[in-house]
Amino acid sequence: MLRFTPVQRIAYQSGRSPGDPVSIRNRGLRRLCLVVACLALLACTPVIHAPVVTSPILARSHFVAADGAVLPVRSWWPAPASLKAIVVALHGFNDYARAFTQPGQSLSLRGIALVAYDQRGFGNAPGRGFWAGTGAYVADLGAIVRQLHLRYPGVPVFVLGESMGGAVAIAALTSPSPPDVQGLILSAPAVWSRDMMPWYQRAVLALAAATLPELELTGSGLKIQASDNIGMLRGLGRDPLVIKSTRVDAIAGLTDLMDTAQYRAGKLKVPVLVLYGERDQVIPRRPVGALLEKLSSRPETRMALYPEGYHLLLRDLHADLPLADISAWIAQPGGCLPSGFEKPLSLPELSVDD
């Protein structure tokens, strides 16, 4: 397998020799497109909200936020008598709640309910294509967790964040008023902060966000594989609710969120389970390694590294492995992970990029 540095990879994909001169502008634009392409597989006019309502309302098929925004909800429930825990699941960038169909079906068979919702700007939620802001995403998660506690008192609630959803979860659980949850599951968390990006990528993003915020970018032609489940990936490509082209200001908003998540991760006070695939081509290894280093002082933190895992771990062909680990961890946070892929939090192979 060919292994390149980020700059060499860009040169290779452009048809140039890694040693050929490529302008800083072109390299930056290609790298920016790479970010969009990767996160779009998961995953300026302001968002206009409806009038303020008295209090949030969580129904079976939707959630009405305090500002009146209606967010579609999908859920998978076990038989009432077998309910052991509830997981609130947050999807990745440009994706939506349908992403958790397979995890929801699997966990419900183990007595764990999964509740997922379309976050603002994604799926059928308001403001499609626009970034709502970290504060809005954090507030929605907190309100839904509170509603679940009111409806199911005594049932433990966990949060599962995939990619961007992981960054939202970290931001929420390190906020001044964190949701009351028993633990956090991070699947390939989007914690690629600016300080870990090449300087030209940061420069191009800043310039584009300031001058062309409405510009939409796609990752057409980039050879990034988000999963080994090809049928699922083709389904994402056909799904009209999965966003295929992304505004520059939404990318900038996502990057702000990743900055926040990476910076504040060390303030997490709940047990954490981090899941990552060795074949992840979307979130580089180094940011995940930095996240684990911040969490290494907490004995409640666990980490599993899947040799055949890609970015969309919970939808890969071997998704049964991380899903079994999630179920076992929820039942007994200090017990063994059945996959056998648990690793120490300080991994040399996660300290550098591919």
Protein backbone atom coordinates (compact mmCIF):
# COMPACT_ATOMS: atom_id res chain seq x y z
CA MET A 1 0.00 0.00 0.00
CA LEU A 2 1.30 3.43 -0.88
CA ARG A 3 1.66 5.72 2.11
CA PHE A 4 2.00 9.46 1.56
CA THR A 5 2.24 12.55 3.66
CA PRO A 6 -0.82 14.85 3.27
CA VAL A 7 1.00 16.98 0.66
CA GLN A 8 2.20 13.92 -1.25
CA ARG A 9 -1.30 12.45 -1.20
CA ILE A 10 -2.70 15.62 -2.76
CA ALA A 11 -0.02 15.60 -5.41
CA TYR A 12 -0.65 11.94 -6.16
CA GLN A 13 -4.39 12.50 -6.56
CA SER A 14 -3.76 15.43 -8.90
CA GLY A 15 -1.67 13.27 -11.24
CA ARG A 16 1.62 14.97 -10.33
CA SER A 17 4.76 13.48 -8.92
CA PRO A 18 5.04 14.21 -5.18
CA GLY A 19 8.13 16.25 -6.00
CA ASP A 20 6.53 18.43 -8.69
CA PRO A 21 5.97 22.08 -7.80
CA VAL A 22 2.35 22.77 -6.90
CA SER A 23 1.18 26.21 -5.89
CA ILE A 24 0.22 26.81 -2.29
CA ARG A 25 -3.20 27.96 -3.47
CA ASN A 26 -3.89 24.74 -5.38
CA ARG A 27 -2.70 22.56 -2.56
CA GLY A 28 -4.86 24.43 -0.10
CA LEU A 29 -7.94 24.20 -2.33
CA ARG A 30 -7.45 20.50 -2.88
CA ARG A 31 -7.04 19.90 0.84
CA LEU A 32 -10.16 21.94 1.55
CA CYS A 33 -12.11 19.84 -0.95
CA LEU A 34 -10.76 16.72 0.76
CA VAL A 35 -12.23 17.84 4.08
CA VAL A 36 -15.59 18.44 2.42
CA ALA A 37 -15.59 15.12 0.58
CA CYS A 38 -14.76 13.07 3.64
CA LEU A 39 -17.25 14.61 5.99
CA ALA A 40 -19.96 14.91 3.35
CA LEU A 41 -20.08 11.11 3.08
CA LEU A 42 -21.19 10.81 6.63
CA ALA A 43 -22.14 13.81 6.15
CA CYS A 44 -24.84 34.06 3.97
CA THR A 45 -28.51 33.64 4.84
CA PRO A 46 -29.23 33.12 8.54
CA VAL A 47 -31.48 30.31 9.71
CA ILE A 48 -34.95 31.70 10.46
CA HIS A 49 -36.62 30.13 13.47
CA ALA A 50 -40.29 29.92 14.33
CA PRO A 51 -41.72 31.90 17.25
CA VAL A 52 -40.54 30.92 20.72
CA VAL A 53 -42.63 28.27 22.47
CA THR A 54 -43.07 27.71 26.17
CA SER A 55 -40.97 24.55 26.55
CA PRO A 56 -39.37 21.85 24.38
CA ILE A 57 -41.54 18.91 23.34
CA LEU A 58 -40.22 15.45 22.47
CA ALA A 59 -42.65 13.32 20.46
CA ARG A 60 -42.17 9.94 18.83
CA SER A 61 -41.37 11.36 15.39
CA HIS A 62 -40.13 14.88 16.10
CA PHE A 63 -38.68 17.26 18.66
CA VAL A 64 -39.85 20.85 19.05
CA ALA A 65 -37.04 23.00 20.44
CA ALA A 66 -37.53 26.01 22.70
CA ASP A 67 -37.25 28.36 19.70
CA GLY A 68 -39.90 26.44 17.76
CA ALA A 69 -37.55 24.56 15.41
CA VAL A 70 -38.91 21.11 14.57
CA LEU A 71 -36.27 18.36 14.31
CA PRO A 72 -37.25 14.93 12.90
CA VAL A 73 -36.67 12.03 15.29
CA ARG A 74 -36.10 8.31 14.60
CA SER A 75 -36.01 5.80 17.41
CA TRP A 76 -35.61 2.09 18.00
CA TRP A 77 -37.06 0.68 21.23
CA PRO A 78 -36.93 -2.70 22.93
CA ALA A 79 -39.95 -4.14 24.67
CA PRO A 80 -40.82 -1.84 27.61
CA ALA A 81 -40.12 -4.54 30.17
CA SER A 82 -36.58 -5.10 28.81
CA LEU A 83 -35.51 -1.43 28.59
CA LYS A 84 -32.10 -1.09 30.26
CA ALA A 85 -30.74 2.20 28.90
CA ILE A 86 -31.35 4.92 26.32
CA VAL A 87 -28.76 6.17 23.84
CA VAL A 88 -29.14 9.59 22.21
CA ALA A 89 -27.30 9.39 18.89
CA LEU A 90 -25.82 12.34 16.97
CA HIS A 91 -25.07 11.90 13.28
CA GLY A 92 -22.11 13.12 11.26
CA PHE A 93 -21.64 16.11 8.96
CA ASN A 94 -24.09 16.19 6.00
CA ASP A 95 -25.75 12.99 7.24
CA TYR A 96 -28.98 12.62 9.22
CA ALA A 97 -30.71 10.38 11.77
CA ARG A 98 -31.26 7.49 9.34
CA ALA A 99 -27.54 6.78 9.79
CA PHE A 100 -28.39 4.92 13.00
CA THR A 101 -30.83 2.38 11.55
CA GLN A 102 -28.40 -0.54 11.88
CA PRO A 103 -27.06 0.49 15.32
CA GLY A 104 -30.60 1.15 16.54
CA GLN A 105 -31.87 -2.25 15.44
CA SER A 106 -28.86 -3.98 16.95
CA LEU A 107 -28.93 -2.22 20.33
CA SER A 108 -32.70 -2.57 20.73
CA LEU A 109 -32.28 -6.35 20.62
CA ARG A 110 -30.03 -5.96 23.68
CA GLY A 111 -32.53 -3.90 25.67
CA ILE A 112 -31.02 -0.51 24.72
CA ALA A 113 -33.18 2.14 23.07
CA LEU A 114 -31.62 4.47 20.53
CA VAL A 115 -33.05 7.92 19.82
CA ALA A 116 -31.59 9.90 16.90
CA TYR A 117 -32.61 13.23 15.42
CA ASP A 118 -31.76 15.35 12.38
CA GLN A 119 -29.54 18.15 13.65
CA ARG A 120 -30.22 21.67 12.39
CA GLY A 121 -29.11 22.17 8.81
CA PHE A 122 -29.15 18.46 7.99
CA GLY A 123 -31.70 15.92 6.78
CA ASN A 124 -35.21 17.33 7.10
CA ALA A 125 -34.31 19.74 9.92
CA PRO A 126 -34.71 23.50 9.40
CA GLY A 127 -32.02 25.49 7.59
CA ARG A 128 -30.82 22.69 5.34
CA GLY A 129 -27.25 23.33 4.24
CA PHE A 130 -26.63 26.14 6.72
CA TRP A 131 -24.55 25.90 9.88
CA ALA A 132 -26.66 26.62 12.98
CA GLY A 133 -23.79 27.23 15.39
CA THR A 134 -22.25 25.17 18.18
CA GLY A 135 -24.54 26.76 20.77
CA ALA A 136 -27.69 25.61 18.97
CA TYR A 137 -26.45 22.04 18.57
CA VAL A 138 -25.45 21.89 22.24
CA ALA A 139 -28.80 23.30 23.41
CA ASP A 140 -30.80 20.78 21.35
CA LEU A 141 -28.91 17.82 22.80
CA GLY A 142 -29.37 19.07 26.36
CA ALA A 143 -33.10 19.62 25.86
CA ILE A 144 -33.67 16.15 24.41
CA VAL A 145 -31.75 14.47 27.24
CA ARG A 146 -33.85 16.37 29.78
CA GLN A 147 -37.07 15.30 28.04
CA LEU A 148 -35.98 11.65 28.12
CA HIS A 149 -35.22 11.85 31.84
CA LEU A 150 -38.69 13.28 32.48
CA ARG A 151 -40.38 10.55 30.46
CA TYR A 152 -38.23 7.63 31.63
CA PRO A 153 -37.12 8.43 35.20
CA GLY A 154 -34.46 6.14 36.53
CA VAL A 155 -33.37 4.84 33.11
CA PRO A 156 -29.69 5.70 32.39
CA VAL A 157 -29.08 7.87 29.33
CA PHE A 158 -25.92 7.76 27.22
CA VAL A 159 -24.80 9.85 24.25
CA LEU A 160 -23.35 8.36 21.07
CA GLY A 161 -21.65 10.77 18.66
CA GLU A 162 -20.46 9.75 15.20
CA SER A 163 -17.86 12.02 13.57
CA MET A 164 -19.32 15.56 13.82
CA GLY A 165 -21.83 14.22 16.33
CA GLY A 166 -18.93 13.30 18.59
CA ALA A 167 -17.68 16.88 18.53
CA VAL A 168 -21.17 18.16 19.38
CA ALA A 169 -21.36 15.71 22.28
CA ILE A 170 -17.97 16.80 23.68
CA ALA A 171 -18.96 20.47 23.41
CA ALA A 172 -22.26 19.80 25.19
CA LEU A 173 -20.78 17.70 28.00
CA THR A 174 -18.10 20.30 28.72
CA SER A 175 -20.50 23.25 28.62
CA PRO A 176 -21.49 25.21 31.76
CA SER A 177 -24.75 23.20 31.95
CA PRO A 178 -23.89 19.72 30.65
CA PRO A 179 -26.63 17.14 29.97
CA ASP A 180 -27.10 14.56 32.71
CA VAL A 181 -25.80 11.38 31.08
CA GLN A 182 -24.11 8.23 32.33
CA GLY A 183 -21.47 8.08 29.63
CA LEU A 184 -20.29 9.09 26.18
CA ILE A 185 -19.49 6.93 23.14
CA LEU A 186 -17.35 8.57 20.46
CA SER A 187 -17.23 6.80 17.09
CA ALA A 188 -14.47 8.27 14.88
CA PRO A 189 -14.94 11.69 16.53
CA ALA A 190 -14.37 14.80 14.42
CA VAL A 191 -11.68 16.49 16.52
CA TRP A 192 -9.43 17.68 13.67
CA SER A 193 -8.71 21.11 15.10
CA ARG A 194 -7.06 23.94 13.16
CA ASP A 195 -3.77 23.62 14.98
CA MET A 196 -3.38 20.13 13.49
CA MET A 197 -4.16 21.19 9.92
CA PRO A 198 -1.51 22.34 7.43
CA TRP A 199 -1.09 26.13 7.47
CA TYR A 200 -2.17 26.47 3.84
CA GLN A 201 -5.41 24.60 4.57
CA ARG A 202 -6.19 27.01 7.40
CA ALA A 203 -5.34 30.00 5.21
CA VAL A 204 -7.52 28.90 2.29
CA LEU A 205 -10.45 28.13 4.59
CA ALA A 206 -10.19 31.53 6.30
CA LEU A 207 -10.00 33.38 2.98
CA ALA A 208 -12.87 31.44 1.42
CA ALA A 209 -15.11 31.84 4.47
CA ALA A 210 -14.48 35.60 4.49
CA THR A 211 -14.97 36.19 0.76
CA LEU A 212 -17.12 33.35 -0.62
CA PRO A 213 -19.14 31.92 2.28
CA GLU A 214 -21.93 30.76 -0.03
CA LEU A 215 -19.57 28.82 -2.33
CA GLU A 216 -20.52 25.14 -2.45
CA LEU A 217 -17.84 22.47 -2.74
CA THR A 218 -17.98 18.77 -3.49
CA GLY A 219 -15.41 16.02 -3.26
CA SER A 220 -16.03 14.69 -6.75
CA GLY A 221 -13.05 12.72 -8.02
CA LEU A 222 -11.31 12.29 -4.66
CA LYS A 223 -10.51 8.70 -3.77
CA ILE A 224 -11.69 8.56 -0.17
CA GLN A 225 -13.34 5.41 1.15
CA ALA A 226 -15.53 5.94 4.21
CA SER A 227 -16.53 2.28 4.65
CA ASP A 228 -16.05 -1.21 3.25
CA ASN A 229 -19.84 -1.51 3.03
CA ILE A 230 -20.14 -0.52 -0.64
CA GLY A 231 -23.88 -1.11 -0.82
CA MET A 232 -24.42 1.29 2.07
CA LEU A 233 -22.18 3.93 0.47
CA ARG A 234 -24.11 3.69 -2.80
CA GLY A 235 -27.29 4.16 -0.80
CA LEU A 236 -25.88 7.35 0.70
CA GLY A 237 -25.09 8.58 -2.80
CA ARG A 238 -28.70 8.04 -3.87
CA ASP A 239 -30.26 9.42 -0.70
CA PRO A 240 -31.58 12.95 -1.39
CA LEU A 241 -31.37 13.86 2.29
CA VAL A 242 -27.61 13.33 2.42
CA ILE A 243 -26.01 16.65 1.45
CA LYS A 244 -23.64 16.29 -1.52
CA SER A 245 -22.29 19.84 -1.86
CA THR A 246 -21.34 21.97 1.13
CA ARG A 247 -21.19 25.70 1.75
CA VAL A 248 -17.82 27.08 2.76
CA ASP A 249 -19.29 28.79 5.82
CA ALA A 250 -20.66 25.42 6.98
CA ILE A 251 -17.16 23.95 6.70
CA ALA A 252 -15.84 26.88 8.73
CA GLY A 253 -18.53 26.26 11.36
CA LEU A 254 -17.63 22.60 11.54
CA THR A 255 -13.98 23.53 11.99
CA ASP A 256 -14.90 25.88 14.85
CA LEU A 257 -16.77 22.98 16.46
CA MET A 258 -13.79 20.64 16.05
CA ASP A 259 -11.55 23.29 17.65
CA THR A 260 -13.91 23.45 20.63
CA ALA A 261 -14.13 19.67 20.99
CA GLN A 262 -10.38 19.10 20.87
CA TYR A 263 -9.65 22.00 23.23
CA ARG A 264 -12.25 21.05 25.85
CA ALA A 265 -12.04 17.24 25.70
CA GLY A 266 -9.90 17.09 28.84
CA LYS A 267 -12.80 18.59 30.82
CA LEU A 268 -15.09 15.61 30.27
CA LYS A 269 -16.31 14.22 33.57
CA VAL A 270 -18.26 11.15 32.43
CA PRO A 271 -16.98 7.70 31.38
CA VAL A 272 -15.95 7.72 27.71
CA LEU A 273 -15.64 4.94 25.13
CA VAL A 274 -13.66 5.92 22.01
CA LEU A 275 -14.00 3.80 18.85
CA TYR A 276 -11.68 4.25 15.88
CA GLY A 277 -10.80 2.26 12.76
CA GLU A 278 -7.25 1.73 11.56
CA ARG A 279 -8.49 2.29 7.98
CA ASP A 280 -10.21 5.60 8.71
CA GLN A 281 -9.45 7.91 5.76
CA VAL A 282 -11.58 10.82 7.01
CA ILE A 283 -10.34 11.82 10.47
CA PRO A 284 -6.53 11.58 10.67
CA ARG A 285 -4.87 9.60 13.42
CA ARG A 286 -3.04 12.47 15.07
CA PRO A 287 -6.15 14.38 16.27
CA VAL A 288 -7.58 11.16 17.71
CA GLY A 289 -4.28 10.51 19.46
CA ALA A 290 -4.35 14.03 20.91
CA LEU A 291 -7.90 13.45 22.15
CA LEU A 292 -6.87 10.20 23.85
CA GLU A 293 -3.90 11.93 25.47
CA LYS A 294 -6.25 14.48 27.03
CA LEU A 295 -8.45 11.67 28.34
CA SER A 296 -5.61 9.43 29.52
CA SER A 297 -5.69 10.70 33.10
CA ARG A 298 -9.25 9.46 33.56
CA PRO A 299 -9.54 5.74 34.43
CA GLU A 300 -13.12 5.74 33.13
CA THR A 301 -11.89 6.19 29.54
CA ARG A 302 -11.71 3.14 27.25
CA MET A 303 -10.54 2.86 23.65
CA ALA A 304 -11.01 0.24 20.92
CA LEU A 305 -9.03 0.24 17.67
CA TYR A 306 -10.50 -1.94 14.91
CA PRO A 307 -7.94 -3.26 12.36
CA GLU A 308 -10.55 -3.54 9.58
CA GLY A 309 -12.53 -0.47 10.62
CA TYR A 310 -13.24 2.55 8.41
CA HIS A 311 -14.75 5.92 9.30
CA LEU A 312 -18.34 4.70 9.34
CA LEU A 313 -17.57 2.01 11.89
CA LEU A 314 -21.17 1.43 12.91
CA ARG A 315 -22.18 0.74 9.29
CA ASP A 316 -19.10 -1.19 8.13
CA LEU A 317 -19.30 -4.85 7.15
CA HIS A 318 -17.88 -5.66 10.59
CA ALA A 319 -20.18 -3.27 12.47
CA ASP A 320 -21.21 -6.11 14.77
CA LEU A 321 -17.87 -5.75 16.59
CA PRO A 322 -18.14 -2.10 17.74
CA LEU A 323 -21.88 -2.51 18.36
CA ALA A 324 -21.21 -5.45 20.67
CA ASP A 325 -18.54 -3.38 22.44
CA ILE A 326 -20.98 -0.50 22.90
CA SER A 327 -23.62 -2.79 24.36
CA ALA A 328 -21.16 -4.45 26.74
CA TRP A 329 -19.71 -1.11 27.85
CA ILE A 330 -23.14 0.34 28.59
CA ALA A 331 -23.98 -2.73 30.67
CA GLN A 332 -20.65 -2.69 32.51
CA PRO A 333 -18.33 0.29 31.80
CA GLY A 334 -15.43 -1.40 33.57
CA GLY A 335 -15.82 -4.82 31.97
CA CYS A 336 -14.07 -6.42 29.01
CA LEU A 337 -14.90 -5.38 25.47
CA PRO A 338 -15.99 -8.53 23.61
CA SER A 339 -14.23 -7.60 20.35
CA GLY A 340 -10.83 -7.98 22.02
CA PHE A 341 -9.63 -4.80 20.29
CA GLU A 342 -9.25 -2.58 23.34
CA LYS A 343 -6.00 -0.61 23.32
CA PRO A 344 -4.13 1.59 25.79
CA LEU A 345 -4.86 5.29 25.47
CA SER A 346 -1.24 6.10 24.59
CA LEU A 347 -0.69 4.55 21.18
CA PRO A 348 2.43 5.58 19.21
CA GLU A 349 0.66 4.77 15.93
CA LEU A 350 -1.95 7.44 16.70
CA SER A 351 0.60 10.19 17.35
CA VAL A 352 1.26 10.92 13.66
CA ASP A 353 -0.84 11.16 10.54
CA ASP A 354 -0.90 8.46 7.90
